[in-house]
Each structure stands twice: as structure tokens, then as C-alpha cells.
PDB file of N, CA and C in Angstrom:
ATOM      1  N   MET A   1    -151.526  29.615 224.841  1.00  0.00           N
ATOM      2  CA  MET A   1    -152.049  30.614 223.939  1.00  0.00           C
ATOM      3  C   MET A   1    -151.660  32.000 224.456  1.00  0.00           C
ATOM      4  N   PRO A   2    -151.255  32.890 223.585  1.00  0.00           N
ATOM      5  CA  PRO A   2    -150.852  34.227 224.044  1.00  0.00           C
ATOM      6  C   PRO A   2    -152.029  35.016 224.619  1.00  0.00           C
ATOM      7  N   ASP A   3    -151.702  35.861 225.583  1.00  0.00           N
ATOM      8  CA  ASP A   3    -152.712  36.654 226.276  1.00  0.00           C
ATOM      9  C   ASP A   3    -153.436  37.612 225.325  1.00  0.00           C
ATOM     10  N   TRP A   4    -152.731  38.185 224.362  1.00  0.00           N
ATOM     11  CA  TRP A   4    -153.344  39.134 223.441  1.00  0.00           C
ATOM     12  C   TRP A   4    -154.394  38.457 222.565  1.00  0.00           C
ATOM     13  N   LEU A   5    -154.313  37.144 222.388  1.00  0.00           N
ATOM     14  CA  LEU A   5    -155.301  36.414 221.600  1.00  0.00           C
ATOM     15  C   LEU A   5    -156.422  35.867 222.484  1.00  0.00           C
ATOM     16  N   MET A   6    -156.079  35.495 223.716  1.00  0.00           N
ATOM     17  CA  MET A   6    -157.074  34.925 224.621  1.00  0.00           C
ATOM     18  C   MET A   6    -158.160  35.916 225.017  1.00  0.00           C
ATOM     19  N   ARG A   7    -157.788  37.154 225.253  1.00  0.00           N
ATOM     20  CA  ARG A   7    -158.766  38.151 225.700  1.00  0.00           C
ATOM     21  C   ARG A   7    -159.885  38.379 224.684  1.00  0.00           C
ATOM     22  N   PRO A   8    -159.585  38.667 223.415  1.00  0.00           N
ATOM     23  CA  PRO A   8    -160.699  38.872 222.466  1.00  0.00           C
ATOM     24  C   PRO A   8    -161.500  37.596 222.216  1.00  0.00           C
ATOM     25  N   LEU A   9    -160.830  36.442 222.189  1.00  0.00           N
ATOM     26  CA  LEU A   9    -161.557  35.196 221.975  1.00  0.00           C
ATOM     27  C   LEU A   9    -162.507  34.904 223.134  1.00  0.00           C
ATOM     28  N   THR A  10    -162.099  35.240 224.348  1.00  0.00           N
ATOM     29  CA  THR A  10    -162.964  35.046 225.509  1.00  0.00           C
ATOM     30  C   THR A  10    -164.215  35.896 225.388  1.00  0.00           C
ATOM     31  N   TRP A  11    -164.063  37.150 224.994  1.00  0.00           N
ATOM     32  CA  TRP A  11    -165.220  38.037 224.846  1.00  0.00           C
ATOM     33  C   TRP A  11    -166.126  37.604 223.702  1.00  0.00           C
ATOM     34  N   ILE A  12    -165.531  37.139 222.610  1.00  0.00           N
ATOM     35  CA  ILE A  12    -166.334  36.674 221.470  1.00  0.00           C
ATOM     36  C   ILE A  12    -167.191  35.488 221.880  1.00  0.00           C
ATOM     37  N   VAL A  13    -166.592  34.526 222.595  1.00  0.00           N
ATOM     38  CA  VAL A  13    -167.343  33.352 223.033  1.00  0.00           C
ATOM     39  C   VAL A  13    -168.426  33.752 224.035  1.00  0.00           C
ATOM     40  N   LEU A  14    -168.122  34.665 224.939  1.00  0.00           N
ATOM     41  CA  LEU A  14    -169.102  35.095 225.925  1.00  0.00           C
ATOM     42  C   LEU A  14    -170.313  35.762 225.259  1.00  0.00           C
ATOM     43  N   VAL A  15    -170.058  36.674 224.323  1.00  0.00           N
ATOM     44  CA  VAL A  15    -171.151  37.349 223.608  1.00  0.00           C
ATOM     45  C   VAL A  15    -171.938  36.341 222.772  1.00  0.00           C
ATOM     46  N   TRP A  16    -171.229  35.407 222.135  1.00  0.00           N
ATOM     47  CA  TRP A  16    -171.890  34.401 221.310  1.00  0.00           C
ATOM     48  C   TRP A  16    -172.790  33.508 222.166  1.00  0.00           C
ATOM     49  N   GLU A  17    -172.293  33.046 223.304  1.00  0.00           N
ATOM     50  CA  GLU A  17    -173.091  32.151 224.145  1.00  0.00           C
ATOM     51  C   GLU A  17    -174.328  32.850 224.716  1.00  0.00           C
ATOM     52  N   LEU A  18    -174.174  34.081 225.163  1.00  0.00           N
ATOM     53  CA  LEU A  18    -175.310  34.795 225.737  1.00  0.00           C
ATOM     54  C   LEU A  18    -176.308  35.255 224.677  1.00  0.00           C
ATOM     55  N   GLY A  19    -175.813  35.608 223.505  1.00  0.00           N
ATOM     56  CA  GLY A  19    -176.684  36.138 222.464  1.00  0.00           C
ATOM     57  C   GLY A  19    -177.198  35.119 221.475  1.00  0.00           C
ATOM     58  N   PHE A  20    -176.731  33.874 221.563  1.00  0.00           N
ATOM     59  CA  PHE A  20    -177.079  32.857 220.569  1.00  0.00           C
ATOM     60  C   PHE A  20    -178.579  32.753 220.293  1.00  0.00           C
ATOM     61  N   PRO A  21    -179.433  32.596 221.324  1.00  0.00           N
ATOM     62  CA  PRO A  21    -180.866  32.461 221.013  1.00  0.00           C
ATOM     63  C   PRO A  21    -181.458  33.709 220.371  1.00  0.00           C
ATOM     64  N   PHE A  22    -180.933  34.877 220.708  1.00  0.00           N
ATOM     65  CA  PHE A  22    -181.445  36.123 220.137  1.00  0.00           C
ATOM     66  C   PHE A  22    -180.935  36.334 218.719  1.00  0.00           C
ATOM     67  N   PHE A  23    -179.686  35.954 218.461  1.00  0.00           N
ATOM     68  CA  PHE A  23    -179.111  36.112 217.131  1.00  0.00           C
ATOM     69  C   PHE A  23    -179.799  35.215 216.104  1.00  0.00           C
ATOM     70  N   LEU A  24    -180.332  34.085 216.543  1.00  0.00           N
ATOM     71  CA  LEU A  24    -180.995  33.174 215.610  1.00  0.00           C
ATOM     72  C   LEU A  24    -182.262  33.780 215.020  1.00  0.00           C
ATOM     73  N   PHE A  25    -182.870  34.735 215.708  1.00  0.00           N
ATOM     74  CA  PHE A  25    -184.075  35.382 215.196  1.00  0.00           C
ATOM     75  C   PHE A  25    -183.769  36.473 214.176  1.00  0.00           C
ATOM     76  N   MET A  26    -182.511  36.798 213.993  1.00  0.00           N
ATOM     77  CA  MET A  26    -182.110  37.803 213.004  1.00  0.00           C
ATOM     78  C   MET A  26    -181.588  37.074 211.770  1.00  0.00           C
ATOM     79  N   PRO A  27    -182.339  37.095 210.671  1.00  0.00           N
ATOM     80  CA  PRO A  27    -181.946  36.317 209.487  1.00  0.00           C
ATOM     81  C   PRO A  27    -180.545  36.623 208.971  1.00  0.00           C
ATOM     82  N   ALA A  28    -180.116  37.871 209.061  1.00  0.00           N
ATOM     83  CA  ALA A  28    -178.787  38.224 208.552  1.00  0.00           C
ATOM     84  C   ALA A  28    -177.670  37.643 209.418  1.00  0.00           C
ATOM     85  N   LEU A  29    -177.954  37.367 210.673  1.00  0.00           N
ATOM     86  CA  LEU A  29    -176.929  36.861 211.590  1.00  0.00           C
ATOM     87  C   LEU A  29    -176.975  35.349 211.786  1.00  0.00           C
ATOM     88  N   ARG A  30    -178.021  34.706 211.309  1.00  0.00           N
ATOM     89  CA  ARG A  30    -178.194  33.281 211.602  1.00  0.00           C
ATOM     90  C   ARG A  30    -177.019  32.432 211.120  1.00  0.00           C
ATOM     91  N   LEU A  31    -176.647  32.502 209.851  1.00  0.00           N
ATOM     92  CA  LEU A  31    -175.555  31.669 209.351  1.00  0.00           C
ATOM     93  C   LEU A  31    -174.200  32.029 209.961  1.00  0.00           C
ATOM     94  N   PRO A  32    -173.860  33.317 210.113  1.00  0.00           N
ATOM     95  CA  PRO A  32    -172.580  33.616 210.781  1.00  0.00           C
ATOM     96  C   PRO A  32    -172.521  33.105 212.223  1.00  0.00           C
ATOM     97  N   VAL A  33    -173.623  33.198 212.952  1.00  0.00           N
ATOM     98  CA  VAL A  33    -173.644  32.733 214.337  1.00  0.00           C
ATOM     99  C   VAL A  33    -173.524  31.205 214.371  1.00  0.00           C
ATOM    100  N   LEU A  34    -174.213  30.524 213.470  1.00  0.00           N
ATOM    101  CA  LEU A  34    -174.081  29.070 213.407  1.00  0.00           C
ATOM    102  C   LEU A  34    -172.663  28.673 212.997  1.00  0.00           C
ATOM    103  N   GLY A  35    -172.065  29.417 212.085  1.00  0.00           N
ATOM    104  CA  GLY A  35    -170.676  29.143 211.688  1.00  0.00           C
ATOM    105  C   GLY A  35    -169.708  29.316 212.840  1.00  0.00           C
ATOM    106  N   LEU A  36    -169.918  30.359 213.627  1.00  0.00           N
ATOM    107  CA  LEU A  36    -169.072  30.564 214.812  1.00  0.00           C
ATOM    108  C   LEU A  36    -169.279  29.433 215.807  1.00  0.00           C
ATOM    109  N   GLY A  37    -170.508  28.961 215.946  1.00  0.00           N
ATOM    110  CA  GLY A  37    -170.781  27.831 216.834  1.00  0.00           C
ATOM    111  C   GLY A  37    -170.105  26.559 216.361  1.00  0.00           C
ATOM    112  N   VAL A  38    -170.122  26.314 215.067  1.00  0.00           N
ATOM    113  CA  VAL A  38    -169.438  25.137 214.522  1.00  0.00           C
ATOM    114  C   VAL A  38    -167.943  25.235 214.789  1.00  0.00           C
ATOM    115  N   ALA A  39    -167.367  26.409 214.547  1.00  0.00           N
ATOM    116  CA  ALA A  39    -165.933  26.590 214.811  1.00  0.00           C
ATOM    117  C   ALA A  39    -165.616  26.384 216.289  1.00  0.00           C
ATOM    118  N   PHE A  40    -166.477  26.909 217.162  1.00  0.00           N
ATOM    119  CA  PHE A  40    -166.275  26.764 218.600  1.00  0.00           C
ATOM    120  C   PHE A  40    -166.306  25.302 219.013  1.00  0.00           C
ATOM    121  N   HIS A  41    -167.329  24.579 218.565  1.00  0.00           N
ATOM    122  CA  HIS A  41    -167.459  23.184 218.985  1.00  0.00           C
ATOM    123  C   HIS A  41    -166.408  22.287 218.341  1.00  0.00           C
ATOM    124  N   LEU A  42    -165.999  22.576 217.118  1.00  0.00           N
ATOM    125  CA  LEU A  42    -164.889  21.825 216.527  1.00  0.00           C
ATOM    126  C   LEU A  42    -163.594  22.095 217.290  1.00  0.00           C
ATOM    127  N   GLY A  43    -163.369  23.359 217.642  1.00  0.00           N
ATOM    128  CA  GLY A  43    -162.164  23.707 218.395  1.00  0.00           C
ATOM    129  C   GLY A  43    -162.110  23.053 219.758  1.00  0.00           C
ATOM    130  N   THR A  44    -163.219  23.097 220.491  1.00  0.00           N
ATOM    131  CA  THR A  44    -163.222  22.462 221.808  1.00  0.00           C
ATOM    132  C   THR A  44    -163.158  20.947 221.680  1.00  0.00           C
ATOM    133  N   GLY A  45    -163.761  20.400 220.640  1.00  0.00           N
ATOM    134  CA  GLY A  45    -163.708  18.949 220.438  1.00  0.00           C
ATOM    135  C   GLY A  45    -162.312  18.455 220.118  1.00  0.00           C
ATOM    136  N   LEU A  46    -161.535  19.286 219.437  1.00  0.00           N
ATOM    137  CA  LEU A  46    -160.174  18.887 219.071  1.00  0.00           C
ATOM    138  C   LEU A  46    -159.150  19.162 220.168  1.00  0.00           C
ATOM    139  N   THR A  47    -159.449  20.084 221.053  1.00  0.00           N
ATOM    140  CA  THR A  47    -158.452  20.469 222.055  1.00  0.00           C
ATOM    141  C   THR A  47    -158.768  19.998 223.468  1.00  0.00           C
ATOM    142  N   MET A  48    -159.994  19.558 223.722  1.00  0.00           N
ATOM    143  CA  MET A  48    -160.371  19.105 225.068  1.00  0.00           C
ATOM    144  C   MET A  48    -160.921  17.692 224.993  1.00  0.00           C
ATOM    145  N   ARG A  49    -160.884  17.011 226.090  1.00  0.00           N
ATOM    146  CA  ARG A  49    -161.421  15.653 226.153  1.00  0.00           C
ATOM    147  C   ARG A  49    -162.877  15.716 226.613  1.00  0.00           C
ATOM    148  N   LEU A  50    -163.765  15.984 225.653  1.00  0.00           N
ATOM    149  CA  LEU A  50    -165.178  16.133 225.971  1.00  0.00           C
ATOM    150  C   LEU A  50    -166.015  14.952 225.500  1.00  0.00           C
ATOM    151  N   GLY A  51    -165.377  13.948 224.956  1.00  0.00           N
ATOM    152  CA  GLY A  51    -166.122  12.807 224.438  1.00  0.00           C
ATOM    153  C   GLY A  51    -166.922  13.205 223.215  1.00  0.00           C
ATOM    154  N   PRO A  52    -168.115  12.639 223.060  1.00  0.00           N
ATOM    155  CA  PRO A  52    -168.911  12.939 221.866  1.00  0.00           C
ATOM    156  C   PRO A  52    -169.740  14.219 221.973  1.00  0.00           C
ATOM    157  N   PHE A  53    -169.616  14.974 223.056  1.00  0.00           N
ATOM    158  CA  PHE A  53    -170.443  16.167 223.236  1.00  0.00           C
ATOM    159  C   PHE A  53    -170.364  17.152 222.065  1.00  0.00           C
ATOM    160  N   PRO A  54    -169.171  17.507 221.555  1.00  0.00           N
ATOM    161  CA  PRO A  54    -169.141  18.445 220.413  1.00  0.00           C
ATOM    162  C   PRO A  54    -169.890  17.912 219.188  1.00  0.00           C
ATOM    163  N   LEU A  55    -169.834  16.609 218.968  1.00  0.00           N
ATOM    164  CA  LEU A  55    -170.554  16.031 217.827  1.00  0.00           C
ATOM    165  C   LEU A  55    -172.063  16.126 218.030  1.00  0.00           C
ATOM    166  N   TYR A  56    -172.524  15.899 219.254  1.00  0.00           N
ATOM    167  CA  TYR A  56    -173.952  16.053 219.550  1.00  0.00           C
ATOM    168  C   TYR A  56    -174.394  17.488 219.298  1.00  0.00           C
ATOM    169  N   MET A  57    -173.584  18.436 219.742  1.00  0.00           N
ATOM    170  CA  MET A  57    -173.952  19.843 219.550  1.00  0.00           C
ATOM    171  C   MET A  57    -174.008  20.201 218.070  1.00  0.00           C
ATOM    172  N   LEU A  58    -173.079  19.681 217.285  1.00  0.00           N
ATOM    173  CA  LEU A  58    -173.099  19.960 215.847  1.00  0.00           C
ATOM    174  C   LEU A  58    -174.351  19.363 215.197  1.00  0.00           C
ATOM    175  N   CYS A  59    -174.763  18.195 215.648  1.00  0.00           N
ATOM    176  CA  CYS A  59    -176.000  17.595 215.123  1.00  0.00           C
ATOM    177  C   CYS A  59    -177.224  18.422 215.506  1.00  0.00           C
ATOM    178  N   LEU A  60    -177.195  19.025 216.684  1.00  0.00           N
ATOM    179  CA  LEU A  60    -178.331  19.838 217.115  1.00  0.00           C
ATOM    180  C   LEU A  60    -178.416  21.160 216.351  1.00  0.00           C
ATOM    181  N   TYR A  61    -177.359  21.547 215.656  1.00  0.00           N
ATOM    182  CA  TYR A  61    -177.407  22.755 214.826  1.00  0.00           C
ATOM    183  C   TYR A  61    -178.149  22.512 213.514  1.00  0.00           C
ATOM    184  N   LEU A  62    -178.244  21.268 213.069  1.00  0.00           N
ATOM    185  CA  LEU A  62    -178.839  20.980 211.758  1.00  0.00           C
ATOM    186  C   LEU A  62    -180.251  21.541 211.594  1.00  0.00           C
ATOM    187  N   PRO A  63    -181.147  21.407 212.565  1.00  0.00           N
ATOM    188  CA  PRO A  63    -182.486  21.986 212.368  1.00  0.00           C
ATOM    189  C   PRO A  63    -182.491  23.511 212.333  1.00  0.00           C
ATOM    190  N   LEU A  64    -181.422  24.144 212.758  1.00  0.00           N
ATOM    191  CA  LEU A  64    -181.372  25.603 212.786  1.00  0.00           C
ATOM    192  C   LEU A  64    -180.912  26.205 211.465  1.00  0.00           C
ATOM    193  N   ILE A  65    -180.435  25.378 210.552  1.00  0.00           N
ATOM    194  CA  ILE A  65    -179.977  25.866 209.252  1.00  0.00           C
ATOM    195  C   ILE A  65    -181.207  26.229 208.419  1.00  0.00           C
ATOM    196  N   PRO A  66    -181.214  27.422 207.829  1.00  0.00           N
ATOM    197  CA  PRO A  66    -182.363  27.805 206.988  1.00  0.00           C
ATOM    198  C   PRO A  66    -182.584  26.798 205.862  1.00  0.00           C
ATOM    199  N   GLY A  67    -183.826  26.624 205.459  1.00  0.00           N
ATOM    200  CA  GLY A  67    -184.209  25.598 204.499  1.00  0.00           C
ATOM    201  C   GLY A  67    -183.474  25.605 203.179  1.00  0.00           C
ATOM    202  N   ASN A  68    -183.173  26.754 202.630  1.00  0.00           N
ATOM    203  CA  ASN A  68    -182.541  26.791 201.311  1.00  0.00           C
ATOM    204  C   ASN A  68    -181.045  27.079 201.383  1.00  0.00           C
ATOM    205  N   ALA A  69    -180.429  27.037 202.538  1.00  0.00           N
ATOM    206  CA  ALA A  69    -179.008  27.386 202.668  1.00  0.00           C
ATOM    207  C   ALA A  69    -178.123  26.353 201.974  1.00  0.00           C
ATOM    208  N   GLY A  70    -178.505  25.094 201.976  1.00  0.00           N
ATOM    209  CA  GLY A  70    -177.654  24.064 201.400  1.00  0.00           C
ATOM    210  C   GLY A  70    -177.946  23.746 199.947  1.00  0.00           C
ATOM    211  N   ARG A  71    -178.963  24.353 199.393  1.00  0.00           N
ATOM    212  CA  ARG A  71    -179.336  24.057 198.013  1.00  0.00           C
ATOM    213  C   ARG A  71    -178.546  24.917 197.037  1.00  0.00           C
ATOM    214  N   ALA A  72    -178.178  24.307 195.916  1.00  0.00           N
ATOM    215  CA  ALA A  72    -177.488  25.051 194.858  1.00  0.00           C
ATOM    216  C   ALA A  72    -178.504  25.901 194.119  1.00  0.00           C
ATOM    217  N   ARG A  73    -178.054  27.023 193.629  1.00  0.00           N
ATOM    218  CA  ARG A  73    -178.957  27.887 192.862  1.00  0.00           C
ATOM    219  C   ARG A  73    -179.236  27.256 191.504  1.00  0.00           C
ATOM    220  N   GLN A  74    -180.469  27.342 191.092  1.00  0.00           N
ATOM    221  CA  GLN A  74    -180.870  26.802 189.798  1.00  0.00           C
ATOM    222  C   GLN A  74    -180.488  27.804 188.707  1.00  0.00           C
ATOM    223  N   PRO A  75    -179.966  27.302 187.605  1.00  0.00           N
ATOM    224  CA  PRO A  75    -179.642  28.236 186.524  1.00  0.00           C
ATOM    225  C   PRO A  75    -180.901  28.899 185.972  1.00  0.00           C
ATOM    226  N   ALA A  76    -180.763  30.146 185.578  1.00  0.00           N
ATOM    227  CA  ALA A  76    -181.923  30.914 185.097  1.00  0.00           C
ATOM    228  C   ALA A  76    -182.315  30.536 183.694  1.00  0.00           C
TER     229      ALA A  76
END
């Protein structure tokens, strides 16, 4: 991976990992932070030999999804 891409990705992952529990308490950031976590765990699952760990982590995100995020809007 090129160095110009590795540096910002390293900082993004570092901020995400340290701030994850705090970001979950901010409703506006909850879904973007969970989306970044899904991308992170899918990426590591596809590029590293971690066994089923990424799948376990993705399953542990399910209770963190807000209650109405997956529901379709009802027509008015």
C-alpha cells in the first residue's frame, strides 16, 4: 500500500478505535462510526488471517444499531 494512503488510514483507525465508545453516545455519529467499523472489520477479515474474529465483531455491532435504522419509512 502506498505511504500517502497508509498515513491517513492509520490516523483514521486510531481515532476510531479510541473514540468508538464516546462516538456511540452521539446520535448523529452513531451510524457513520458503525459503518466505519463494518468497513474496518470487513477489510481486516479479507486481508488478514484472523479466522472468524471479524464475523464475531460484526455480530456484536447488531445491538448497537438504533431501533428504527433498518425499518422502511411508512407512506404518509
